[in-house]
Amino acid sequence: MTKFNNQEIINNLQTQFLKKETPNIRIGDNVKIGVKIIEGNKERVQFYEGTVIAKKNTSINTTITVRKVFQGVGIERIFLLHSPKIDSIQILRSSKVRRAKLYYLRNLQGKATRLKQRFN
């Protein structure tokens, strides 16, 4: 009985920190994420733009993996959606995909990595 009460307390605490304005991000979307960076005593926003290749949904621990190719090298970053370090998320383009995880994009290069655009 105490485990149920503890889990209820944890859920109530987590709901306080959930962001309400997060957009509906899907696999294959091209996103632009503003990340807060602290340099010395200054804080600025640096944007990271790429394709969402994976998403994991677990309430406050929801993460997305964003991949971009920079100077011929593939770079992937994992972002916590409800983190206070995330300033903004903007969906630039949606793509039509038939997979839950797009890990196969790691093996492709150039024009082969293009995805078909989805028009809502």
PDB file of N, CA and C in Angstrom:
ATOM      1  N   MET A   1       0.820  -1.198   0.000  1.00  0.00           N
ATOM      2  CA  MET A   1       0.000   0.000   0.000  1.00  0.00           C
ATOM      3  C   MET A   1       0.864   1.261   0.000  1.00  0.00           C
ATOM      4  N   THR A   2       2.013   1.211   0.694  1.00  0.00           N
ATOM      5  CA  THR A   2       2.866   2.402   0.735  1.00  0.00           C
ATOM      6  C   THR A   2       3.521   2.667  -0.615  1.00  0.00           C
ATOM      7  N   LYS A   3       3.791   1.607  -1.392  1.00  0.00           N
ATOM      8  CA  LYS A   3       4.382   1.809  -2.717  1.00  0.00           C
ATOM      9  C   LYS A   3       3.443   2.610  -3.604  1.00  0.00           C
ATOM     10  N   PHE A   4       2.166   2.297  -3.548  1.00  0.00           N
ATOM     11  CA  PHE A   4       1.189   3.025  -4.354  1.00  0.00           C
ATOM     12  C   PHE A   4       1.158   4.493  -3.955  1.00  0.00           C
ATOM     13  N   ASN A   5       1.187   4.768  -2.665  1.00  0.00           N
ATOM     14  CA  ASN A   5       1.180   6.149  -2.199  1.00  0.00           C
ATOM     15  C   ASN A   5       2.452   6.883  -2.618  1.00  0.00           C
ATOM     16  N   ASN A   6       3.599   6.197  -2.560  1.00  0.00           N
ATOM     17  CA  ASN A   6       4.855   6.820  -2.979  1.00  0.00           C
ATOM     18  C   ASN A   6       4.826   7.153  -4.460  1.00  0.00           C
ATOM     19  N   GLN A   7       4.296   6.244  -5.271  1.00  0.00           N
ATOM     20  CA  GLN A   7       4.225   6.476  -6.707  1.00  0.00           C
ATOM     21  C   GLN A   7       3.281   7.639  -7.007  1.00  0.00           C
ATOM     22  N   GLU A   8       2.218   7.740  -6.245  1.00  0.00           N
ATOM     23  CA  GLU A   8       1.266   8.840  -6.429  1.00  0.00           C
ATOM     24  C   GLU A   8       1.930  10.180  -6.106  1.00  0.00           C
ATOM     25  N   ILE A   9       2.728  10.204  -5.071  1.00  0.00           N
ATOM     26  CA  ILE A   9       3.447  11.425  -4.684  1.00  0.00           C
ATOM     27  C   ILE A   9       4.445  11.812  -5.767  1.00  0.00           C
ATOM     28  N   ILE A  10       5.157  10.833  -6.304  1.00  0.00           N
ATOM     29  CA  ILE A  10       6.136  11.099  -7.363  1.00  0.00           C
ATOM     30  C   ILE A  10       5.436  11.650  -8.598  1.00  0.00           C
ATOM     31  N   ASN A  11       4.306  11.061  -8.985  1.00  0.00           N
ATOM     32  CA  ASN A  11       3.564  11.538 -10.156  1.00  0.00           C
ATOM     33  C   ASN A  11       3.070  12.962  -9.963  1.00  0.00           C
ATOM     34  N   ASN A  12       2.576  13.288  -8.781  1.00  0.00           N
ATOM     35  CA  ASN A  12       2.120  14.656  -8.508  1.00  0.00           C
ATOM     36  C   ASN A  12       3.274  15.644  -8.591  1.00  0.00           C
ATOM     37  N   LEU A  13       4.426  15.246  -8.102  1.00  0.00           N
ATOM     38  CA  LEU A  13       5.596  16.115  -8.135  1.00  0.00           C
ATOM     39  C   LEU A  13       6.069  16.326  -9.576  1.00  0.00           C
ATOM     40  N   GLN A  14       6.053  15.269 -10.382  1.00  0.00           N
ATOM     41  CA  GLN A  14       6.517  15.374 -11.764  1.00  0.00           C
ATOM     42  C   GLN A  14       5.597  16.252 -12.606  1.00  0.00           C
ATOM     43  N   THR A  15       4.311  16.200 -12.372  1.00  0.00           N
ATOM     44  CA  THR A  15       3.379  16.986 -13.196  1.00  0.00           C
ATOM     45  C   THR A  15       3.590  18.480 -13.010  1.00  0.00           C
ATOM     46  N   GLN A  16       4.158  18.901 -11.906  1.00  0.00           N
ATOM     47  CA  GLN A  16       4.439  20.326 -11.693  1.00  0.00           C
ATOM     48  C   GLN A  16       5.511  20.826 -12.651  1.00  0.00           C
ATOM     49  N   PHE A  17       6.423  19.963 -13.066  1.00  0.00           N
ATOM     50  CA  PHE A  17       7.559  20.369 -13.879  1.00  0.00           C
ATOM     51  C   PHE A  17       7.372  20.088 -15.370  1.00  0.00           C
ATOM     52  N   LEU A  18       6.247  19.512 -15.764  1.00  0.00           N
ATOM     53  CA  LEU A  18       5.996  19.255 -17.183  1.00  0.00           C
ATOM     54  C   LEU A  18       5.734  20.568 -17.904  1.00  0.00           C
ATOM     55  N   LYS A  19       6.330  20.722 -19.092  1.00  0.00           N
ATOM     56  CA  LYS A  19       6.070  21.908 -19.913  1.00  0.00           C
ATOM     57  C   LYS A  19       4.751  21.712 -20.650  1.00  0.00           C
ATOM     58  N   LYS A  20       3.966  22.776 -20.714  1.00  0.00           N
ATOM     59  CA  LYS A  20       2.664  22.667 -21.349  1.00  0.00           C
ATOM     60  C   LYS A  20       2.691  23.043 -22.818  1.00  0.00           C
ATOM     61  N   GLU A  21       3.674  23.825 -23.258  1.00  0.00           N
ATOM     62  CA  GLU A  21       3.692  24.351 -24.626  1.00  0.00           C
ATOM     63  C   GLU A  21       4.521  23.513 -25.588  1.00  0.00           C
ATOM     64  N   THR A  22       4.840  22.276 -25.262  1.00  0.00           N
ATOM     65  CA  THR A  22       5.665  21.485 -26.174  1.00  0.00           C
ATOM     66  C   THR A  22       4.850  21.085 -27.405  1.00  0.00           C
ATOM     67  N   PRO A  23       5.398  21.255 -28.605  1.00  0.00           N
ATOM     68  CA  PRO A  23       4.671  20.865 -29.823  1.00  0.00           C
ATOM     69  C   PRO A  23       4.623  19.351 -29.966  1.00  0.00           C
ATOM     70  N   ASN A  24       3.744  18.886 -30.818  1.00  0.00           N
ATOM     71  CA  ASN A  24       3.600  17.452 -31.073  1.00  0.00           C
ATOM     72  C   ASN A  24       4.693  17.017 -32.049  1.00  0.00           C
ATOM     73  N   ILE A  25       5.791  16.525 -31.523  1.00  0.00           N
ATOM     74  CA  ILE A  25       6.950  16.146 -32.332  1.00  0.00           C
ATOM     75  C   ILE A  25       6.804  14.691 -32.749  1.00  0.00           C
ATOM     76  N   ARG A  26       7.017  14.433 -34.050  1.00  0.00           N
ATOM     77  CA  ARG A  26       6.951  13.081 -34.579  1.00  0.00           C
ATOM     78  C   ARG A  26       8.321  12.679 -35.118  1.00  0.00           C
ATOM     79  N   ILE A  27       8.470  11.378 -35.323  1.00  0.00           N
ATOM     80  CA  ILE A  27       9.691  10.871 -35.922  1.00  0.00           C
ATOM     81  C   ILE A  27       9.763  11.376 -37.361  1.00  0.00           C
ATOM     82  N   GLY A  28      10.922  11.840 -37.788  1.00  0.00           N
ATOM     83  CA  GLY A  28      11.104  12.333 -39.147  1.00  0.00           C
ATOM     84  C   GLY A  28      10.938  13.831 -39.278  1.00  0.00           C
ATOM     85  N   ASP A  29      10.515  14.508 -38.214  1.00  0.00           N
ATOM     86  CA  ASP A  29      10.367  15.959 -38.271  1.00  0.00           C
ATOM     87  C   ASP A  29      11.728  16.642 -38.289  1.00  0.00           C
ATOM     88  N   ASN A  30      11.823  17.735 -39.032  1.00  0.00           N
ATOM     89  CA  ASN A  30      12.996  18.594 -38.974  1.00  0.00           C
ATOM     90  C   ASN A  30      12.704  19.637 -37.908  1.00  0.00           C
ATOM     91  N   VAL A  31      13.504  19.702 -36.863  1.00  0.00           N
ATOM     92  CA  VAL A  31      13.232  20.610 -35.748  1.00  0.00           C
ATOM     93  C   VAL A  31      14.400  21.557 -35.532  1.00  0.00           C
ATOM     94  N   LYS A  32      14.084  22.695 -34.931  1.00  0.00           N
ATOM     95  CA  LYS A  32      15.081  23.680 -34.527  1.00  0.00           C
ATOM     96  C   LYS A  32      14.886  23.885 -33.028  1.00  0.00           C
ATOM     97  N   ILE A  33      15.888  23.481 -32.253  1.00  0.00           N
ATOM     98  CA  ILE A  33      15.785  23.506 -30.799  1.00  0.00           C
ATOM     99  C   ILE A  33      16.713  24.580 -30.250  1.00  0.00           C
ATOM    100  N   GLY A  34      16.163  25.469 -29.453  1.00  0.00           N
ATOM    101  CA  GLY A  34      16.955  26.498 -28.790  1.00  0.00           C
ATOM    102  C   GLY A  34      17.412  25.999 -27.434  1.00  0.00           C
ATOM    103  N   VAL A  35      18.714  25.888 -27.239  1.00  0.00           N
ATOM    104  CA  VAL A  35      19.292  25.373 -26.000  1.00  0.00           C
ATOM    105  C   VAL A  35      19.975  26.521 -25.266  1.00  0.00           C
ATOM    106  N   LYS A  36      19.647  26.683 -23.982  1.00  0.00           N
ATOM    107  CA  LYS A  36      20.290  27.728 -23.182  1.00  0.00           C
ATOM    108  C   LYS A  36      21.700  27.287 -22.821  1.00  0.00           C
ATOM    109  N   ILE A  37      22.671  28.176 -23.074  1.00  0.00           N
ATOM    110  CA  ILE A  37      24.072  27.893 -22.768  1.00  0.00           C
ATOM    111  C   ILE A  37      24.596  28.998 -21.876  1.00  0.00           C
ATOM    112  N   ILE A  38      25.277  28.620 -20.803  1.00  0.00           N
ATOM    113  CA  ILE A  38      25.850  29.592 -19.871  1.00  0.00           C
ATOM    114  C   ILE A  38      27.345  29.668 -20.122  1.00  0.00           C
ATOM    115  N   GLU A  39      27.818  30.858 -20.472  1.00  0.00           N
ATOM    116  CA  GLU A  39      29.246  31.097 -20.683  1.00  0.00           C
ATOM    117  C   GLU A  39      29.679  32.169 -19.705  1.00  0.00           C
ATOM    118  N   GLY A  40      30.433  31.754 -18.712  1.00  0.00           N
ATOM    119  CA  GLY A  40      30.830  32.704 -17.668  1.00  0.00           C
ATOM    120  C   GLY A  40      29.610  33.134 -16.881  1.00  0.00           C
ATOM    121  N   ASN A  41      29.310  34.437 -16.923  1.00  0.00           N
ATOM    122  CA  ASN A  41      28.113  34.917 -16.227  1.00  0.00           C
ATOM    123  C   ASN A  41      27.022  35.321 -17.219  1.00  0.00           C
ATOM    124  N   LYS A  42      27.215  34.999 -18.494  1.00  0.00           N
ATOM    125  CA  LYS A  42      26.229  35.318 -19.524  1.00  0.00           C
ATOM    126  C   LYS A  42      25.465  34.059 -19.930  1.00  0.00           C
ATOM    127  N   GLU A  43      24.219  34.261 -20.304  1.00  0.00           N
ATOM    128  CA  GLU A  43      23.405  33.157 -20.798  1.00  0.00           C
ATOM    129  C   GLU A  43      22.904  33.509 -22.188  1.00  0.00           C
ATOM    130  N   ARG A  44      23.048  32.566 -23.121  1.00  0.00           N
ATOM    131  CA  ARG A  44      22.575  32.801 -24.482  1.00  0.00           C
ATOM    132  C   ARG A  44      21.875  31.553 -24.973  1.00  0.00           C
ATOM    133  N   VAL A  45      21.186  31.694 -26.115  1.00  0.00           N
ATOM    134  CA  VAL A  45      20.463  30.577 -26.702  1.00  0.00           C
ATOM    135  C   VAL A  45      21.172  30.158 -27.985  1.00  0.00           C
ATOM    136  N   GLN A  46      21.537  28.876 -28.063  1.00  0.00           N
ATOM    137  CA  GLN A  46      22.164  28.335 -29.256  1.00  0.00           C
ATOM    138  C   GLN A  46      21.187  27.347 -29.895  1.00  0.00           C
ATOM    139  N   PHE A  47      21.005  27.476 -31.214  1.00  0.00           N
ATOM    140  CA  PHE A  47      20.039  26.642 -31.910  1.00  0.00           C
ATOM    141  C   PHE A  47      20.717  25.406 -32.487  1.00  0.00           C
ATOM    142  N   TYR A  48      20.001  24.296 -32.428  1.00  0.00           N
ATOM    143  CA  TYR A  48      20.457  23.017 -32.971  1.00  0.00           C
ATOM    144  C   TYR A  48      19.359  22.531 -33.896  1.00  0.00           C
ATOM    145  N   GLU A  49      19.702  22.326 -35.154  1.00  0.00           N
ATOM    146  CA  GLU A  49      18.707  21.970 -36.153  1.00  0.00           C
ATOM    147  C   GLU A  49      19.038  20.609 -36.750  1.00  0.00           C
ATOM    148  N   GLY A  50      18.034  19.734 -36.832  1.00  0.00           N
ATOM    149  CA  GLY A  50      18.260  18.413 -37.404  1.00  0.00           C
ATOM    150  C   GLY A  50      16.974  17.616 -37.494  1.00  0.00           C
ATOM    151  N   THR A  51      17.121  16.340 -37.813  1.00  0.00           N
ATOM    152  CA  THR A  51      15.995  15.431 -38.001  1.00  0.00           C
ATOM    153  C   THR A  51      15.814  14.570 -36.764  1.00  0.00           C
ATOM    154  N   VAL A  52      14.572  14.418 -36.317  1.00  0.00           N
ATOM    155  CA  VAL A  52      14.263  13.562 -35.172  1.00  0.00           C
ATOM    156  C   VAL A  52      14.297  12.115 -35.660  1.00  0.00           C
ATOM    157  N   ILE A  53      15.226  11.327 -35.091  1.00  0.00           N
ATOM    158  CA  ILE A  53      15.332   9.926 -35.525  1.00  0.00           C
ATOM    159  C   ILE A  53      14.804   8.958 -34.475  1.00  0.00           C
ATOM    160  N   ALA A  54      14.575   9.433 -33.245  1.00  0.00           N
ATOM    161  CA  ALA A  54      14.043   8.554 -32.204  1.00  0.00           C
ATOM    162  C   ALA A  54      13.329   9.395 -31.153  1.00  0.00           C
ATOM    163  N   LYS A  55      12.351   8.774 -30.504  1.00  0.00           N
ATOM    164  CA  LYS A  55      11.614   9.442 -29.436  1.00  0.00           C
ATOM    165  C   LYS A  55      11.293   8.410 -28.372  1.00  0.00           C
ATOM    166  N   LYS A  56      11.427   8.807 -27.109  1.00  0.00           N
ATOM    167  CA  LYS A  56      11.112   7.939 -25.993  1.00  0.00           C
ATOM    168  C   LYS A  56      10.151   8.683 -25.088  1.00  0.00           C
ATOM    169  N   ASN A  57       8.951   8.148 -24.880  1.00  0.00           N
ATOM    170  CA  ASN A  57       7.929   8.810 -24.067  1.00  0.00           C
ATOM    171  C   ASN A  57       7.842   8.178 -22.690  1.00  0.00           C
ATOM    172  N   THR A  58       8.243   8.920 -21.671  1.00  0.00           N
ATOM    173  CA  THR A  58       8.032   8.487 -20.288  1.00  0.00           C
ATOM    174  C   THR A  58       7.805   9.727 -19.438  1.00  0.00           C
ATOM    175  N   SER A  59       6.664  10.343 -19.596  1.00  0.00           N
ATOM    176  CA  SER A  59       6.214  11.549 -18.881  1.00  0.00           C
ATOM    177  C   SER A  59       7.306  12.615 -18.826  1.00  0.00           C
ATOM    178  N   ILE A  60       7.904  12.831 -17.682  1.00  0.00           N
ATOM    179  CA  ILE A  60       8.873  13.929 -17.541  1.00  0.00           C
ATOM    180  C   ILE A  60      10.218  13.581 -18.179  1.00  0.00           C
ATOM    181  N   ASN A  61      10.476  12.310 -18.402  1.00  0.00           N
ATOM    182  CA  ASN A  61      11.741  11.888 -19.003  1.00  0.00           C
ATOM    183  C   ASN A  61      11.641  11.702 -20.510  1.00  0.00           C
ATOM    184  N   THR A  62      10.693  12.357 -21.168  1.00  0.00           N
ATOM    185  CA  THR A  62      10.537  12.239 -22.612  1.00  0.00           C
ATOM    186  C   THR A  62      11.759  12.813 -23.311  1.00  0.00           C
ATOM    187  N   THR A  63      12.365  12.013 -24.196  1.00  0.00           N
ATOM    188  CA  THR A  63      13.558  12.457 -24.911  1.00  0.00           C
ATOM    189  C   THR A  63      13.369  12.287 -26.406  1.00  0.00           C
ATOM    190  N   ILE A  64      14.080  13.124 -27.169  1.00  0.00           N
ATOM    191  CA  ILE A  64      14.149  12.957 -28.612  1.00  0.00           C
ATOM    192  C   ILE A  64      15.623  12.943 -29.009  1.00  0.00           C
ATOM    193  N   THR A  65      15.944  12.149 -30.010  1.00  0.00           N
ATOM    194  CA  THR A  65      17.293  12.105 -30.566  1.00  0.00           C
ATOM    195  C   THR A  65      17.259  12.844 -31.887  1.00  0.00           C
ATOM    196  N   VAL A  66      18.096  13.880 -32.002  1.00  0.00           N
ATOM    197  CA  VAL A  66      18.129  14.716 -33.192  1.00  0.00           C
ATOM    198  C   VAL A  66      19.468  14.514 -33.883  1.00  0.00           C
ATOM    199  N   ARG A  67      19.407  14.272 -35.189  1.00  0.00           N
ATOM    200  CA  ARG A  67      20.616  14.005 -35.980  1.00  0.00           C
ATOM    201  C   ARG A  67      20.786  15.072 -37.049  1.00  0.00           C
ATOM    202  N   LYS A  68      22.016  15.551 -37.189  1.00  0.00           N
ATOM    203  CA  LYS A  68      22.356  16.438 -38.290  1.00  0.00           C
ATOM    204  C   LYS A  68      23.733  16.060 -38.800  1.00  0.00           C
ATOM    205  N   VAL A  69      24.011  16.422 -40.041  1.00  0.00           N
ATOM    206  CA  VAL A  69      25.315  16.157 -40.633  1.00  0.00           C
ATOM    207  C   VAL A  69      26.026  17.492 -40.760  1.00  0.00           C
ATOM    208  N   PHE A  70      27.185  17.593 -40.128  1.00  0.00           N
ATOM    209  CA  PHE A  70      27.955  18.831 -40.117  1.00  0.00           C
ATOM    210  C   PHE A  70      29.345  18.534 -40.659  1.00  0.00           C
ATOM    211  N   GLN A  71      29.693  19.137 -41.785  1.00  0.00           N
ATOM    212  CA  GLN A  71      30.974  18.951 -42.463  1.00  0.00           C
ATOM    213  C   GLN A  71      31.276  17.475 -42.713  1.00  0.00           C
ATOM    214  N   GLY A  72      30.250  16.749 -43.147  1.00  0.00           N
ATOM    215  CA  GLY A  72      30.417  15.353 -43.499  1.00  0.00           C
ATOM    216  C   GLY A  72      30.420  14.384 -42.338  1.00  0.00           C
ATOM    217  N   VAL A  73      30.221  14.876 -41.109  1.00  0.00           N
ATOM    218  CA  VAL A  73      30.213  14.023 -39.923  1.00  0.00           C
ATOM    219  C   VAL A  73      28.821  14.067 -39.304  1.00  0.00           C
ATOM    220  N   GLY A  74      28.237  12.893 -39.054  1.00  0.00           N
ATOM    221  CA  GLY A  74      26.920  12.835 -38.427  1.00  0.00           C
ATOM    222  C   GLY A  74      27.019  13.104 -36.938  1.00  0.00           C
ATOM    223  N   ILE A  75      26.171  14.023 -36.456  1.00  0.00           N
ATOM    224  CA  ILE A  75      26.159  14.379 -35.036  1.00  0.00           C
ATOM    225  C   ILE A  75      24.754  14.130 -34.507  1.00  0.00           C
ATOM    226  N   GLU A  76      24.661  13.385 -33.408  1.00  0.00           N
ATOM    227  CA  GLU A  76      23.370  13.122 -32.774  1.00  0.00           C
ATOM    228  C   GLU A  76      23.398  13.637 -31.351  1.00  0.00           C
ATOM    229  N   ARG A  77      22.316  14.300 -30.968  1.00  0.00           N
ATOM    230  CA  ARG A  77      22.164  14.769 -29.598  1.00  0.00           C
ATOM    231  C   ARG A  77      20.834  14.301 -29.059  1.00  0.00           C
ATOM    232  N   ILE A  78      20.802  13.990 -27.787  1.00  0.00           N
ATOM    233  CA  ILE A  78      19.581  13.577 -27.118  1.00  0.00           C
ATOM    234  C   ILE A  78      19.130  14.727 -26.229  1.00  0.00           C
ATOM    235  N   PHE A  79      17.882  15.144 -26.400  1.00  0.00           N
ATOM    236  CA  PHE A  79      17.334  16.265 -25.647  1.00  0.00           C
ATOM    237  C   PHE A  79      16.198  15.795 -24.750  1.00  0.00           C
ATOM    238  N   LEU A  80      16.215  16.238 -23.496  1.00  0.00           N
ATOM    239  CA  LEU A  80      15.078  16.056 -22.593  1.00  0.00           C
ATOM    240  C   LEU A  80      14.073  17.158 -22.912  1.00  0.00           C
ATOM    241  N   LEU A  81      12.867  16.811 -23.320  1.00  0.00           N
ATOM    242  CA  LEU A  81      11.909  17.821 -23.756  1.00  0.00           C
ATOM    243  C   LEU A  81      11.465  18.758 -22.637  1.00  0.00           C
ATOM    244  N   HIS A  82      11.375  18.252 -21.417  1.00  0.00           N
ATOM    245  CA  HIS A  82      10.877  19.056 -20.301  1.00  0.00           C
ATOM    246  C   HIS A  82      11.990  19.683 -19.469  1.00  0.00           C
ATOM    247  N   SER A  83      13.204  19.702 -20.009  1.00  0.00           N
ATOM    248  CA  SER A  83      14.339  20.277 -19.307  1.00  0.00           C
ATOM    249  C   SER A  83      14.249  21.806 -19.299  1.00  0.00           C
ATOM    250  N   PRO A  84      14.675  22.448 -18.225  1.00  0.00           N
ATOM    251  CA  PRO A  84      14.700  23.919 -18.214  1.00  0.00           C
ATOM    252  C   PRO A  84      15.760  24.495 -19.156  1.00  0.00           C
ATOM    253  N   LYS A  85      16.690  23.680 -19.626  1.00  0.00           N
ATOM    254  CA  LYS A  85      17.715  24.152 -20.572  1.00  0.00           C
ATOM    255  C   LYS A  85      17.165  24.316 -21.989  1.00  0.00           C
ATOM    256  N   ILE A  86      16.033  23.698 -22.275  1.00  0.00           N
ATOM    257  CA  ILE A  86      15.412  23.831 -23.594  1.00  0.00           C
ATOM    258  C   ILE A  86      14.583  25.111 -23.590  1.00  0.00           C
ATOM    259  N   ASP A  87      14.961  26.046 -24.466  1.00  0.00           N
ATOM    260  CA  ASP A  87      14.269  27.335 -24.525  1.00  0.00           C
ATOM    261  C   ASP A  87      13.075  27.291 -25.466  1.00  0.00           C
ATOM    262  N   SER A  88      13.279  26.728 -26.662  1.00  0.00           N
ATOM    263  CA  SER A  88      12.199  26.680 -27.641  1.00  0.00           C
ATOM    264  C   SER A  88      12.378  25.482 -28.556  1.00  0.00           C
ATOM    265  N   ILE A  89      11.256  25.003 -29.084  1.00  0.00           N
ATOM    266  CA  ILE A  89      11.266  23.925 -30.065  1.00  0.00           C
ATOM    267  C   ILE A  89      10.358  24.354 -31.204  1.00  0.00           C
ATOM    268  N   GLN A  90      10.907  24.320 -32.414  1.00  0.00           N
ATOM    269  CA  GLN A  90      10.153  24.740 -33.580  1.00  0.00           C
ATOM    270  C   GLN A  90      10.222  23.626 -34.622  1.00  0.00           C
ATOM    271  N   ILE A  91       9.059  23.207 -35.127  1.00  0.00           N
ATOM    272  CA  ILE A  91       9.018  22.184 -36.172  1.00  0.00           C
ATOM    273  C   ILE A  91       9.091  22.892 -37.510  1.00  0.00           C
ATOM    274  N   LEU A  92      10.151  22.620 -38.273  1.00  0.00           N
ATOM    275  CA  LEU A  92      10.353  23.271 -39.556  1.00  0.00           C
ATOM    276  C   LEU A  92       9.666  22.515 -40.690  1.00  0.00           C
ATOM    277  N   ARG A  93       9.694  21.180 -40.628  1.00  0.00           N
ATOM    278  CA  ARG A  93       9.187  20.361 -41.727  1.00  0.00           C
ATOM    279  C   ARG A  93       8.842  18.984 -41.194  1.00  0.00           C
ATOM    280  N   SER A  94       7.767  18.400 -41.681  1.00  0.00           N
ATOM    281  CA  SER A  94       7.395  17.043 -41.307  1.00  0.00           C
ATOM    282  C   SER A  94       7.637  16.109 -42.474  1.00  0.00           C
ATOM    283  N   SER A  95       8.033  14.888 -42.164  1.00  0.00           N
ATOM    284  CA  SER A  95       8.318  13.910 -43.212  1.00  0.00           C
ATOM    285  C   SER A  95       7.476  12.664 -43.015  1.00  0.00           C
ATOM    286  N   LYS A  96       7.200  11.987 -44.122  1.00  0.00           N
ATOM    287  CA  LYS A  96       6.432  10.754 -44.095  1.00  0.00           C
ATOM    288  C   LYS A  96       7.394   9.603 -43.865  1.00  0.00           C
ATOM    289  N   VAL A  97       7.244   8.903 -42.750  1.00  0.00           N
ATOM    290  CA  VAL A  97       8.113   7.772 -42.436  1.00  0.00           C
ATOM    291  C   VAL A  97       7.254   6.586 -42.028  1.00  0.00           C
ATOM    292  N   ARG A  98       7.834   5.401 -42.155  1.00  0.00           N
ATOM    293  CA  ARG A  98       7.107   4.179 -41.817  1.00  0.00           C
ATOM    294  C   ARG A  98       7.834   3.381 -40.746  1.00  0.00           C
ATOM    295  N   ARG A  99       8.668   4.034 -39.983  1.00  0.00           N
ATOM    296  CA  ARG A  99       9.441   3.385 -38.926  1.00  0.00           C
ATOM    297  C   ARG A  99       9.327   4.197 -37.644  1.00  0.00           C
ATOM    298  N   ALA A 100       9.503   3.533 -36.505  1.00  0.00           N
ATOM    299  CA  ALA A 100       9.473   4.214 -35.219  1.00  0.00           C
ATOM    300  C   ALA A 100      10.841   4.801 -34.884  1.00  0.00           C
ATOM    301  N   LYS A 101      11.890   4.180 -35.388  1.00  0.00           N
ATOM    302  CA  LYS A 101      13.249   4.670 -35.174  1.00  0.00           C
ATOM    303  C   LYS A 101      13.939   4.725 -36.531  1.00  0.00           C
ATOM    304  N   LEU A 102      14.610   5.835 -36.810  1.00  0.00           N
ATOM    305  CA  LEU A 102      15.247   6.021 -38.119  1.00  0.00           C
ATOM    306  C   LEU A 102      16.759   5.821 -38.033  1.00  0.00           C
ATOM    307  N   TYR A 103      17.174   4.780 -37.330  1.00  0.00           N
ATOM    308  CA  TYR A 103      18.600   4.533 -37.163  1.00  0.00           C
ATOM    309  C   TYR A 103      19.279   4.183 -38.479  1.00  0.00           C
ATOM    310  N   TYR A 104      18.516   3.748 -39.487  1.00  0.00           N
ATOM    311  CA  TYR A 104      19.110   3.397 -40.779  1.00  0.00           C
ATOM    312  C   TYR A 104      19.709   4.611 -41.475  1.00  0.00           C
ATOM    313  N   LEU A 105      19.337   5.834 -41.053  1.00  0.00           N
ATOM    314  CA  LEU A 105      19.907   7.037 -41.653  1.00  0.00           C
ATOM    315  C   LEU A 105      21.394   7.175 -41.344  1.00  0.00           C
ATOM    316  N   ARG A 106      21.858   6.486 -40.317  1.00  0.00           N
ATOM    317  CA  ARG A 106      23.275   6.554 -39.954  1.00  0.00           C
ATOM    318  C   ARG A 106      24.162   5.959 -41.047  1.00  0.00           C
ATOM    319  N   ASN A 107      23.630   5.006 -41.804  1.00  0.00           N
ATOM    320  CA  ASN A 107      24.417   4.323 -42.830  1.00  0.00           C
ATOM    321  C   ASN A 107      24.305   4.971 -44.191  1.00  0.00           C
ATOM    322  N   LEU A 108      23.454   5.988 -44.336  1.00  0.00           N
ATOM    323  CA  LEU A 108      23.240   6.628 -45.628  1.00  0.00           C
ATOM    324  C   LEU A 108      23.988   7.941 -45.704  1.00  0.00           C
ATOM    325  N   GLN A 109      24.286   8.381 -46.948  1.00  0.00           N
ATOM    326  CA  GLN A 109      25.007   9.634 -47.143  1.00  0.00           C
ATOM    327  C   GLN A 109      24.331  10.454 -48.235  1.00  0.00           C
ATOM    328  N   GLY A 110      24.500  11.750 -48.158  1.00  0.00           N
ATOM    329  CA  GLY A 110      24.077  12.651 -49.223  1.00  0.00           C
ATOM    330  C   GLY A 110      22.588  12.647 -49.470  1.00  0.00           C
ATOM    331  N   LYS A 111      22.213  12.544 -50.746  1.00  0.00           N
ATOM    332  CA  LYS A 111      20.807  12.624 -51.131  1.00  0.00           C
ATOM    333  C   LYS A 111      20.000  11.427 -50.653  1.00  0.00           C
ATOM    334  N   ALA A 112      20.654  10.340 -50.322  1.00  0.00           N
ATOM    335  CA  ALA A 112      19.948   9.146 -49.853  1.00  0.00           C
ATOM    336  C   ALA A 112      19.291   9.378 -48.492  1.00  0.00           C
ATOM    337  N   THR A 113      19.730  10.388 -47.763  1.00  0.00           N
ATOM    338  CA  THR A 113      19.171  10.644 -46.440  1.00  0.00           C
ATOM    339  C   THR A 113      17.906  11.488 -46.484  1.00  0.00           C
ATOM    340  N   ARG A 114      17.501  11.923 -47.685  1.00  0.00           N
ATOM    341  CA  ARG A 114      16.302  12.737 -47.793  1.00  0.00           C
ATOM    342  C   ARG A 114      15.055  11.917 -47.479  1.00  0.00           C
ATOM    343  N   LEU A 115      14.096  12.554 -46.819  1.00  0.00           N
ATOM    344  CA  LEU A 115      12.835  11.934 -46.503  1.00  0.00           C
ATOM    345  C   LEU A 115      11.720  12.660 -47.245  1.00  0.00           C
ATOM    346  N   LYS A 116      10.654  11.942 -47.610  1.00  0.00           N
ATOM    347  CA  LYS A 116       9.536  12.572 -48.320  1.00  0.00           C
ATOM    348  C   LYS A 116       8.763  13.468 -47.361  1.00  0.00           C
ATOM    349  N   GLN A 117       8.440  14.658 -47.830  1.00  0.00           N
ATOM    350  CA  GLN A 117       7.740  15.630 -47.002  1.00  0.00           C
ATOM    351  C   GLN A 117       6.272  15.251 -46.861  1.00  0.00           C
ATOM    352  N   ARG A 118       5.725  15.461 -45.648  1.00  0.00           N
ATOM    353  CA  ARG A 118       4.317  15.214 -45.380  1.00  0.00           C
ATOM    354  C   ARG A 118       3.626  16.562 -45.251  1.00  0.00           C
ATOM    355  N   PHE A 119       2.546  16.734 -46.002  1.00  0.00           N
ATOM    356  CA  PHE A 119       1.763  17.967 -45.931  1.00  0.00           C
ATOM    357  C   PHE A 119       0.500  17.657 -45.142  1.00  0.00           C
ATOM    358  N   ASN A 120       0.296  18.379 -44.046  1.00  0.00           N
ATOM    359  CA  ASN A 120      -0.850  18.092 -43.186  1.00  0.00           C
ATOM    360  C   ASN A 120      -2.118  18.631 -43.750  1.00  0.00           C
TER     361      ASN A 120
END
